[in-house]
């Protein structure tokens, strides 16, 4: 493998990771808004309460953990095991966010 091929493979992986991250943030935002909308009129602990801003901040914070765990999951060779572990990670992170 030449240096060019190696660098191209790394950039594709970074792009792949970035698109996973963006998709996770968008879907997390929608999922949290839908699941927590009944509580949207209740303030959180913040004085400058804004439901959608709080949801976005929560989705971004959880997405950091998602990105780190995704780096580990993408190294697994078996695609089936990747799907199972990835699904479990998403379920746990969304449960935590809804909690």
PDB file of N, CA and C in Angstrom:
ATOM      1  N   UNK A   1       0.852  -1.161   0.000  1.00  0.00           N
ATOM      2  CA  UNK A   1       0.000   0.000   0.000  1.00  0.00           C
ATOM      3  C   UNK A   1       0.904   1.232   0.000  1.00  0.00           C
ATOM      4  N   UNK A   2       0.649   2.129  -0.924  1.00  0.00           N
ATOM      5  CA  UNK A   2       1.455   3.342  -1.002  1.00  0.00           C
ATOM      6  C   UNK A   2       1.010   4.328   0.065  1.00  0.00           C
ATOM      7  N   UNK A   3       1.813   5.361   0.245  1.00  0.00           N
ATOM      8  CA  UNK A   3       1.483   6.385   1.231  1.00  0.00           C
ATOM      9  C   UNK A   3       0.188   7.098   0.853  1.00  0.00           C
ATOM     10  N   UNK A   4      -0.002   7.316  -0.458  1.00  0.00           N
ATOM     11  CA  UNK A   4      -1.221   7.977  -0.919  1.00  0.00           C
ATOM     12  C   UNK A   4      -2.459   7.151  -0.565  1.00  0.00           C
ATOM     13  N   UNK A   5      -2.388   5.850  -0.803  1.00  0.00           N
ATOM     14  CA  UNK A   5      -3.518   4.977  -0.483  1.00  0.00           C
ATOM     15  C   UNK A   5      -3.798   4.965   1.014  1.00  0.00           C
ATOM     16  N   UNK A   6      -2.732   4.934   1.803  1.00  0.00           N
ATOM     17  CA  UNK A   6      -2.894   4.926   3.261  1.00  0.00           C
ATOM     18  C   UNK A   6      -3.544   6.228   3.730  1.00  0.00           C
ATOM     19  N   UNK A   7      -3.073   7.386   3.220  1.00  0.00           N
ATOM     20  CA  UNK A   7      -3.653   8.672   3.608  1.00  0.00           C
ATOM     21  C   UNK A   7      -5.097   8.788   3.143  1.00  0.00           C
ATOM     22  N   UNK A   8      -5.412   8.272   1.974  1.00  0.00           N
ATOM     23  CA  UNK A   8      -6.778   8.313   1.458  1.00  0.00           C
ATOM     24  C   UNK A   8      -7.699   7.471   2.335  1.00  0.00           C
ATOM     25  N   UNK A   9      -7.221   6.306   2.763  1.00  0.00           N
ATOM     26  CA  UNK A   9      -8.024   5.431   3.623  1.00  0.00           C
ATOM     27  C   UNK A   9      -8.308   6.114   4.958  1.00  0.00           C
ATOM     28  N   UNK A  10      -7.322   6.806   5.510  1.00  0.00           N
ATOM     29  CA  UNK A  10      -7.514   7.517   6.775  1.00  0.00           C
ATOM     30  C   UNK A  10      -8.523   8.640   6.600  1.00  0.00           C
ATOM     31  N   UNK A  11      -8.447   9.386   5.493  1.00  0.00           N
ATOM     32  CA  UNK A  11      -9.381  10.483   5.293  1.00  0.00           C
ATOM     33  C   UNK A  11     -10.810   9.957   5.083  1.00  0.00           C
ATOM     34  N   UNK A  12     -10.961   8.833   4.426  1.00  0.00           N
ATOM     35  CA  UNK A  12     -12.289   8.246   4.260  1.00  0.00           C
ATOM     36  C   UNK A  12     -12.842   7.843   5.622  1.00  0.00           C
ATOM     37  N   UNK A  13     -12.021   7.287   6.482  1.00  0.00           N
ATOM     38  CA  UNK A  13     -12.475   6.902   7.809  1.00  0.00           C
ATOM     39  C   UNK A  13     -12.895   8.121   8.631  1.00  0.00           C
ATOM     40  N   UNK A  14     -12.152   9.225   8.513  1.00  0.00           N
ATOM     41  CA  UNK A  14     -12.515  10.442   9.230  1.00  0.00           C
ATOM     42  C   UNK A  14     -13.824  11.004   8.697  1.00  0.00           C
ATOM     43  N   UNK A  15     -14.003  10.960   7.391  1.00  0.00           N
ATOM     44  CA  UNK A  15     -15.247  11.433   6.789  1.00  0.00           C
ATOM     45  C   UNK A  15     -16.405  10.544   7.217  1.00  0.00           C
ATOM     46  N   UNK A  16     -16.180   9.244   7.215  1.00  0.00           N
ATOM     47  CA  UNK A  16     -17.196   8.287   7.643  1.00  0.00           C
ATOM     48  C   UNK A  16     -17.596   8.560   9.094  1.00  0.00           C
ATOM     49  N   UNK A  17     -16.624   8.786   9.945  1.00  0.00           N
ATOM     50  CA  UNK A  17     -16.882   9.083  11.353  1.00  0.00           C
ATOM     51  C   UNK A  17     -17.648  10.392  11.503  1.00  0.00           C
ATOM     52  N   UNK A  18     -17.282  11.401  10.720  1.00  0.00           N
ATOM     53  CA  UNK A  18     -17.949  12.701  10.790  1.00  0.00           C
ATOM     54  C   UNK A  18     -19.426  12.580  10.404  1.00  0.00           C
ATOM     55  N   UNK A  19     -19.719  11.843   9.332  1.00  0.00           N
ATOM     56  CA  UNK A  19     -21.105  11.676   8.915  1.00  0.00           C
ATOM     57  C   UNK A  19     -21.908  10.866   9.935  1.00  0.00           C
ATOM     58  N   UNK A  20     -21.286   9.875  10.561  1.00  0.00           N
ATOM     59  CA  UNK A  20     -21.950   9.143  11.649  1.00  0.00           C
ATOM     60  C   UNK A  20     -22.295  10.104  12.791  1.00  0.00           C
ATOM     61  N   UNK A  21     -21.349  10.975  13.128  1.00  0.00           N
ATOM     62  CA  UNK A  21     -21.532  11.911  14.226  1.00  0.00           C
ATOM     63  C   UNK A  21     -22.667  12.894  13.929  1.00  0.00           C
ATOM     64  N   UNK A  22     -22.653  13.479  12.724  1.00  0.00           N
ATOM     65  CA  UNK A  22     -23.703  14.435  12.344  1.00  0.00           C
ATOM     66  C   UNK A  22     -25.072  13.760  12.365  1.00  0.00           C
ATOM     67  N   UNK A  23     -25.148  12.572  11.792  1.00  0.00           N
ATOM     68  CA  UNK A  23     -26.407  11.834  11.766  1.00  0.00           C
ATOM     69  C   UNK A  23     -26.880  11.515  13.183  1.00  0.00           C
ATOM     70  N   UNK A  24     -25.951  11.126  14.056  1.00  0.00           N
ATOM     71  CA  UNK A  24     -26.312  10.832  15.443  1.00  0.00           C
ATOM     72  C   UNK A  24     -26.840  12.073  16.148  1.00  0.00           C
ATOM     73  N   UNK A  25     -26.200  13.220  15.954  1.00  0.00           N
ATOM     74  CA  UNK A  25     -26.653  14.457  16.602  1.00  0.00           C
ATOM     75  C   UNK A  25     -28.056  14.826  16.120  1.00  0.00           C
ATOM     76  N   UNK A  26     -28.292  14.760  14.820  1.00  0.00           N
ATOM     77  CA  UNK A  26     -29.602  15.115  14.281  1.00  0.00           C
ATOM     78  C   UNK A  26     -30.698  14.171  14.776  1.00  0.00           C
ATOM     79  N   UNK A  27     -30.440  12.879  14.701  1.00  0.00           N
ATOM     80  CA  UNK A  27     -31.442  11.910  15.149  1.00  0.00           C
ATOM     81  C   UNK A  27     -31.632  11.990  16.663  1.00  0.00           C
ATOM     82  N   UNK A  28     -30.559  12.226  17.397  1.00  0.00           N
ATOM     83  CA  UNK A  28     -30.671  12.377  18.853  1.00  0.00           C
ATOM     84  C   UNK A  28     -31.529  13.580  19.210  1.00  0.00           C
ATOM     85  N   UNK A  29     -31.317  14.677  18.507  1.00  0.00           N
ATOM     86  CA  UNK A  29     -32.106  15.879  18.762  1.00  0.00           C
ATOM     87  C   UNK A  29     -33.593  15.590  18.559  1.00  0.00           C
ATOM     88  N   UNK A  30     -33.931  14.970  17.446  1.00  0.00           N
ATOM     89  CA  UNK A  30     -35.328  14.656  17.152  1.00  0.00           C
ATOM     90  C   UNK A  30     -35.885  13.663  18.174  1.00  0.00           C
ATOM     91  N   UNK A  31     -35.117  12.649  18.494  1.00  0.00           N
ATOM     92  CA  UNK A  31     -35.572  11.631  19.443  1.00  0.00           C
ATOM     93  C   UNK A  31     -35.828  12.235  20.815  1.00  0.00           C
ATOM     94  N   UNK A  32     -34.946  13.110  21.262  1.00  0.00           N
ATOM     95  CA  UNK A  32     -35.103  13.722  22.585  1.00  0.00           C
ATOM     96  C   UNK A  32     -36.277  14.688  22.599  1.00  0.00           C
ATOM     97  N   UNK A  33     -36.437  15.469  21.533  1.00  0.00           N
ATOM     98  CA  UNK A  33     -37.572  16.401  21.471  1.00  0.00           C
ATOM     99  C   UNK A  33     -38.883  15.635  21.511  1.00  0.00           C
ATOM    100  N   UNK A  34     -38.984  14.552  20.752  1.00  0.00           N
ATOM    101  CA  UNK A  34     -40.220  13.772  20.718  1.00  0.00           C
ATOM    102  C   UNK A  34     -40.494  13.129  22.079  1.00  0.00           C
ATOM    103  N   UNK A  35     -39.477  12.562  22.687  1.00  0.00           N
ATOM    104  CA  UNK A  35     -39.705  11.848  23.944  1.00  0.00           C
ATOM    105  C   UNK A  35     -39.885  12.781  25.137  1.00  0.00           C
ATOM    106  N   UNK A  36     -39.335  13.982  25.078  1.00  0.00           N
ATOM    107  CA  UNK A  36     -39.388  14.887  26.227  1.00  0.00           C
ATOM    108  C   UNK A  36     -40.330  16.073  26.009  1.00  0.00           C
ATOM    109  N   UNK A  37     -41.057  16.093  24.904  1.00  0.00           N
ATOM    110  CA  UNK A  37     -41.874  17.267  24.579  1.00  0.00           C
ATOM    111  C   UNK A  37     -42.931  17.557  25.643  1.00  0.00           C
ATOM    112  N   UNK A  38     -43.451  16.536  26.297  1.00  0.00           N
ATOM    113  CA  UNK A  38     -44.457  16.767  27.338  1.00  0.00           C
ATOM    114  C   UNK A  38     -43.881  17.543  28.520  1.00  0.00           C
ATOM    115  N   UNK A  39     -42.568  17.537  28.655  1.00  0.00           N
ATOM    116  CA  UNK A  39     -41.903  18.269  29.735  1.00  0.00           C
ATOM    117  C   UNK A  39     -41.306  19.598  29.259  1.00  0.00           C
ATOM    118  N   UNK A  40     -41.629  20.014  28.049  1.00  0.00           N
ATOM    119  CA  UNK A  40     -40.988  21.200  27.477  1.00  0.00           C
ATOM    120  C   UNK A  40     -41.356  22.491  28.191  1.00  0.00           C
ATOM    121  N   UNK A  41     -42.478  22.526  28.898  1.00  0.00           N
ATOM    122  CA  UNK A  41     -42.867  23.750  29.595  1.00  0.00           C
ATOM    123  C   UNK A  41     -42.281  23.836  31.000  1.00  0.00           C
ATOM    124  N   UNK A  42     -41.641  22.777  31.455  1.00  0.00           N
ATOM    125  CA  UNK A  42     -41.019  22.773  32.783  1.00  0.00           C
ATOM    126  C   UNK A  42     -39.553  23.172  32.655  1.00  0.00           C
ATOM    127  N   UNK A  43     -39.133  24.143  33.432  1.00  0.00           N
ATOM    128  CA  UNK A  43     -37.725  24.560  33.322  1.00  0.00           C
ATOM    129  C   UNK A  43     -36.777  23.510  33.884  1.00  0.00           C
ATOM    130  N   UNK A  44     -35.620  23.469  33.281  1.00  0.00           N
ATOM    131  CA  UNK A  44     -34.558  22.618  33.832  1.00  0.00           C
ATOM    132  C   UNK A  44     -33.923  23.393  34.977  1.00  0.00           C
ATOM    133  N   UNK A  45     -32.734  23.084  35.347  1.00  0.00           N
ATOM    134  CA  UNK A  45     -32.067  23.798  36.425  1.00  0.00           C
ATOM    135  C   UNK A  45     -31.471  25.127  35.987  1.00  0.00           C
ATOM    136  N   UNK A  46     -31.611  25.466  34.720  1.00  0.00           N
ATOM    137  CA  UNK A  46     -30.995  26.663  34.163  1.00  0.00           C
ATOM    138  C   UNK A  46     -31.948  27.851  34.251  1.00  0.00           C
ATOM    139  N   UNK A  47     -31.424  29.010  34.618  1.00  0.00           N
ATOM    140  CA  UNK A  47     -32.250  30.218  34.705  1.00  0.00           C
ATOM    141  C   UNK A  47     -32.687  30.666  33.310  1.00  0.00           C
ATOM    142  N   UNK A  48     -31.809  30.560  32.346  1.00  0.00           N
ATOM    143  CA  UNK A  48     -32.125  30.960  30.969  1.00  0.00           C
ATOM    144  C   UNK A  48     -32.703  29.767  30.232  1.00  0.00           C
ATOM    145  N   UNK A  49     -33.827  29.273  30.688  1.00  0.00           N
ATOM    146  CA  UNK A  49     -34.424  28.044  30.175  1.00  0.00           C
ATOM    147  C   UNK A  49     -34.871  28.194  28.728  1.00  0.00           C
ATOM    148  N   UNK A  50     -34.386  27.302  27.900  1.00  0.00           N
ATOM    149  CA  UNK A  50     -34.860  27.161  26.526  1.00  0.00           C
ATOM    150  C   UNK A  50     -34.805  25.667  26.220  1.00  0.00           C
ATOM    151  N   UNK A  51     -35.967  25.070  26.025  1.00  0.00           N
ATOM    152  CA  UNK A  51     -36.063  23.622  25.854  1.00  0.00           C
ATOM    153  C   UNK A  51     -35.198  23.121  24.706  1.00  0.00           C
ATOM    154  N   UNK A  52     -35.304  23.746  23.551  1.00  0.00           N
ATOM    155  CA  UNK A  52     -34.583  23.271  22.373  1.00  0.00           C
ATOM    156  C   UNK A  52     -33.073  23.468  22.507  1.00  0.00           C
ATOM    157  N   UNK A  53     -32.672  24.528  23.167  1.00  0.00           N
ATOM    158  CA  UNK A  53     -31.237  24.741  23.401  1.00  0.00           C
ATOM    159  C   UNK A  53     -30.692  23.683  24.352  1.00  0.00           C
ATOM    160  N   UNK A  54     -31.444  23.377  25.398  1.00  0.00           N
ATOM    161  CA  UNK A  54     -31.025  22.326  26.333  1.00  0.00           C
ATOM    162  C   UNK A  54     -30.932  20.969  25.644  1.00  0.00           C
ATOM    163  N   UNK A  55     -31.892  20.687  24.765  1.00  0.00           N
ATOM    164  CA  UNK A  55     -31.875  19.418  24.037  1.00  0.00           C
ATOM    165  C   UNK A  55     -30.664  19.351  23.116  1.00  0.00           C
ATOM    166  N   UNK A  56     -30.372  20.448  22.425  1.00  0.00           N
ATOM    167  CA  UNK A  56     -29.212  20.466  21.523  1.00  0.00           C
ATOM    168  C   UNK A  56     -27.911  20.283  22.298  1.00  0.00           C
ATOM    169  N   UNK A  57     -27.767  20.957  23.410  1.00  0.00           N
ATOM    170  CA  UNK A  57     -26.558  20.805  24.229  1.00  0.00           C
ATOM    171  C   UNK A  57     -26.436  19.363  24.730  1.00  0.00           C
ATOM    172  N   UNK A  58     -27.540  18.790  25.165  1.00  0.00           N
ATOM    173  CA  UNK A  58     -27.524  17.398  25.615  1.00  0.00           C
ATOM    174  C   UNK A  58     -27.138  16.449  24.497  1.00  0.00           C
ATOM    175  N   UNK A  59     -27.679  16.666  23.304  1.00  0.00           N
ATOM    176  CA  UNK A  59     -27.354  15.809  22.160  1.00  0.00           C
ATOM    177  C   UNK A  59     -25.878  15.941  21.787  1.00  0.00           C
ATOM    178  N   UNK A  60     -25.333  17.142  21.864  1.00  0.00           N
ATOM    179  CA  UNK A  60     -23.913  17.338  21.541  1.00  0.00           C
ATOM    180  C   UNK A  60     -23.000  16.684  22.582  1.00  0.00           C
ATOM    181  N   UNK A  61     -23.377  16.778  23.842  1.00  0.00           N
ATOM    182  CA  UNK A  61     -22.558  16.159  24.890  1.00  0.00           C
ATOM    183  C   UNK A  61     -22.558  14.638  24.740  1.00  0.00           C
ATOM    184  N   UNK A  62     -23.724  14.059  24.521  1.00  0.00           N
ATOM    185  CA  UNK A  62     -23.816  12.609  24.354  1.00  0.00           C
ATOM    186  C   UNK A  62     -23.098  12.168  23.086  1.00  0.00           C
ATOM    187  N   UNK A  63     -23.089  13.024  22.069  1.00  0.00           N
ATOM    188  CA  UNK A  63     -22.428  12.660  20.810  1.00  0.00           C
ATOM    189  C   UNK A  63     -20.913  12.534  20.964  1.00  0.00           C
ATOM    190  N   UNK A  64     -20.334  13.207  21.940  1.00  0.00           N
ATOM    191  CA  UNK A  64     -18.895  13.053  22.189  1.00  0.00           C
ATOM    192  C   UNK A  64     -18.610  11.617  22.630  1.00  0.00           C
ATOM    193  N   UNK A  65     -19.414  11.109  23.546  1.00  0.00           N
ATOM    194  CA  UNK A  65     -19.248   9.719  23.989  1.00  0.00           C
ATOM    195  C   UNK A  65     -19.514   8.753  22.838  1.00  0.00           C
ATOM    196  N   UNK A  66     -20.513   9.083  22.024  1.00  0.00           N
ATOM    197  CA  UNK A  66     -20.832   8.257  20.863  1.00  0.00           C
ATOM    198  C   UNK A  66     -19.635   8.172  19.915  1.00  0.00           C
ATOM    199  N   UNK A  67     -18.996   9.297  19.655  1.00  0.00           N
ATOM    200  CA  UNK A  67     -17.854   9.311  18.742  1.00  0.00           C
ATOM    201  C   UNK A  67     -16.700   8.468  19.262  1.00  0.00           C
ATOM    202  N   UNK A  68     -16.438   8.579  20.547  1.00  0.00           N
ATOM    203  CA  UNK A  68     -15.348   7.793  21.125  1.00  0.00           C
ATOM    204  C   UNK A  68     -15.643   6.299  21.062  1.00  0.00           C
ATOM    205  N   UNK A  69     -16.876   5.930  21.367  1.00  0.00           N
ATOM    206  CA  UNK A  69     -17.245   4.516  21.307  1.00  0.00           C
ATOM    207  C   UNK A  69     -17.321   4.015  19.869  1.00  0.00           C
ATOM    208  N   UNK A  70     -17.678   4.898  18.938  1.00  0.00           N
ATOM    209  CA  UNK A  70     -17.738   4.516  17.531  1.00  0.00           C
ATOM    210  C   UNK A  70     -16.353   4.173  16.993  1.00  0.00           C
ATOM    211  N   UNK A  71     -15.324   4.857  17.483  1.00  0.00           N
ATOM    212  CA  UNK A  71     -13.958   4.533  17.076  1.00  0.00           C
ATOM    213  C   UNK A  71     -13.607   3.094  17.436  1.00  0.00           C
ATOM    214  N   UNK A  72     -14.086   2.641  18.565  1.00  0.00           N
ATOM    215  CA  UNK A  72     -13.833   1.263  18.993  1.00  0.00           C
ATOM    216  C   UNK A  72     -14.670   0.287  18.170  1.00  0.00           C
ATOM    217  N   UNK A  73     -15.940   0.620  17.955  1.00  0.00           N
ATOM    218  CA  UNK A  73     -16.849  -0.281  17.242  1.00  0.00           C
ATOM    219  C   UNK A  73     -16.396  -0.488  15.794  1.00  0.00           C
ATOM    220  N   UNK A  74     -15.918   0.558  15.144  1.00  0.00           N
ATOM    221  CA  UNK A  74     -15.516   0.442  13.743  1.00  0.00           C
ATOM    222  C   UNK A  74     -14.277  -0.430  13.551  1.00  0.00           C
ATOM    223  N   UNK A  75     -13.564  -0.706  14.608  1.00  0.00           N
ATOM    224  CA  UNK A  75     -12.382  -1.576  14.512  1.00  0.00           C
ATOM    225  C   UNK A  75     -12.738  -3.061  14.565  1.00  0.00           C
ATOM    226  N   UNK A  76     -13.960  -3.381  14.920  1.00  0.00           N
ATOM    227  CA  UNK A  76     -14.399  -4.781  14.984  1.00  0.00           C
ATOM    228  C   UNK A  76     -14.575  -5.292  13.559  1.00  0.00           C
ATOM    229  N   UNK A  77     -14.047  -6.467  13.283  1.00  0.00           N
ATOM    230  CA  UNK A  77     -14.058  -7.015  11.934  1.00  0.00           C
ATOM    231  C   UNK A  77     -15.439  -7.506  11.502  1.00  0.00           C
ATOM    232  N   UNK A  78     -16.162  -8.148  12.372  1.00  0.00           N
ATOM    233  CA  UNK A  78     -17.454  -8.736  12.025  1.00  0.00           C
ATOM    234  C   UNK A  78     -18.543  -7.650  11.976  1.00  0.00           C
ATOM    235  N   UNK A  79     -19.186  -7.517  10.824  1.00  0.00           N
ATOM    236  CA  UNK A  79     -20.209  -6.493  10.652  1.00  0.00           C
ATOM    237  C   UNK A  79     -21.415  -6.760  11.554  1.00  0.00           C
ATOM    238  N   UNK A  80     -21.778  -8.008  11.724  1.00  0.00           N
ATOM    239  CA  UNK A  80     -22.907  -8.357  12.585  1.00  0.00           C
ATOM    240  C   UNK A  80     -22.684  -7.922  14.024  1.00  0.00           C
ATOM    241  N   UNK A  81     -21.486  -8.166  14.521  1.00  0.00           N
ATOM    242  CA  UNK A  81     -21.153  -7.756  15.890  1.00  0.00           C
ATOM    243  C   UNK A  81     -21.112  -6.238  15.979  1.00  0.00           C
ATOM    244  N   UNK A  82     -20.630  -5.573  14.926  1.00  0.00           N
ATOM    245  CA  UNK A  82     -20.631  -4.109  14.887  1.00  0.00           C
ATOM    246  C   UNK A  82     -22.051  -3.562  15.036  1.00  0.00           C
ATOM    247  N   UNK A  83     -22.986  -4.137  14.313  1.00  0.00           N
ATOM    248  CA  UNK A  83     -24.369  -3.667  14.346  1.00  0.00           C
ATOM    249  C   UNK A  83     -24.966  -3.855  15.736  1.00  0.00           C
ATOM    250  N   UNK A  84     -24.730  -4.999  16.340  1.00  0.00           N
ATOM    251  CA  UNK A  84     -25.285  -5.277  17.670  1.00  0.00           C
ATOM    252  C   UNK A  84     -24.698  -4.315  18.705  1.00  0.00           C
ATOM    253  N   UNK A  85     -23.391  -4.171  18.720  1.00  0.00           N
ATOM    254  CA  UNK A  85     -22.745  -3.295  19.703  1.00  0.00           C
ATOM    255  C   UNK A  85     -23.132  -1.846  19.460  1.00  0.00           C
ATOM    256  N   UNK A  86     -23.165  -1.432  18.194  1.00  0.00           N
ATOM    257  CA  UNK A  86     -23.555  -0.067  17.847  1.00  0.00           C
ATOM    258  C   UNK A  86     -24.983   0.216  18.306  1.00  0.00           C
ATOM    259  N   UNK A  87     -25.876  -0.724  18.096  1.00  0.00           N
ATOM    260  CA  UNK A  87     -27.270  -0.558  18.523  1.00  0.00           C
ATOM    261  C   UNK A  87     -27.369  -0.440  20.040  1.00  0.00           C
ATOM    262  N   UNK A  88     -26.638  -1.276  20.754  1.00  0.00           N
ATOM    263  CA  UNK A  88     -26.647  -1.208  22.218  1.00  0.00           C
ATOM    264  C   UNK A  88     -26.109   0.133  22.718  1.00  0.00           C
ATOM    265  N   UNK A  89     -25.067   0.634  22.084  1.00  0.00           N
ATOM    266  CA  UNK A  89     -24.495   1.925  22.475  1.00  0.00           C
ATOM    267  C   UNK A  89     -25.514   3.037  22.271  1.00  0.00           C
ATOM    268  N   UNK A  90     -26.178   3.043  21.129  1.00  0.00           N
ATOM    269  CA  UNK A  90     -27.178   4.075  20.846  1.00  0.00           C
ATOM    270  C   UNK A  90     -28.336   3.985  21.838  1.00  0.00           C
ATOM    271  N   UNK A  91     -28.798   2.786  22.131  1.00  0.00           N
ATOM    272  CA  UNK A  91     -29.896   2.611  23.087  1.00  0.00           C
ATOM    273  C   UNK A  91     -29.507   3.148  24.460  1.00  0.00           C
ATOM    274  N   UNK A  92     -28.325   2.802  24.924  1.00  0.00           N
ATOM    275  CA  UNK A  92     -27.875   3.250  26.251  1.00  0.00           C
ATOM    276  C   UNK A  92     -27.713   4.767  26.287  1.00  0.00           C
ATOM    277  N   UNK A  93     -27.123   5.349  25.247  1.00  0.00           N
ATOM    278  CA  UNK A  93     -26.919   6.800  25.234  1.00  0.00           C
ATOM    279  C   UNK A  93     -28.247   7.549  25.170  1.00  0.00           C
ATOM    280  N   UNK A  94     -29.193   7.056  24.370  1.00  0.00           N
ATOM    281  CA  UNK A  94     -30.490   7.726  24.303  1.00  0.00           C
ATOM    282  C   UNK A  94     -31.272   7.545  25.594  1.00  0.00           C
ATOM    283  N   UNK A  95     -31.157   6.397  26.217  1.00  0.00           N
ATOM    284  CA  UNK A  95     -31.803   6.196  27.517  1.00  0.00           C
ATOM    285  C   UNK A  95     -31.228   7.175  28.538  1.00  0.00           C
ATOM    286  N   UNK A  96     -29.919   7.321  28.534  1.00  0.00           N
ATOM    287  CA  UNK A  96     -29.267   8.258  29.458  1.00  0.00           C
ATOM    288  C   UNK A  96     -29.741   9.680  29.182  1.00  0.00           C
ATOM    289  N   UNK A  97     -29.822  10.045  27.919  1.00  0.00           N
ATOM    290  CA  UNK A  97     -30.236  11.400  27.571  1.00  0.00           C
ATOM    291  C   UNK A  97     -31.688  11.662  27.986  1.00  0.00           C
ATOM    292  N   UNK A  98     -32.556  10.685  27.809  1.00  0.00           N
ATOM    293  CA  UNK A  98     -33.951  10.840  28.205  1.00  0.00           C
ATOM    294  C   UNK A  98     -34.108  10.874  29.719  1.00  0.00           C
ATOM    295  N   UNK A  99     -33.203  10.213  30.405  1.00  0.00           N
ATOM    296  CA  UNK A  99     -33.269  10.161  31.860  1.00  0.00           C
ATOM    297  C   UNK A  99     -33.026  11.538  32.449  1.00  0.00           C
TER     298      UNK A  99
END
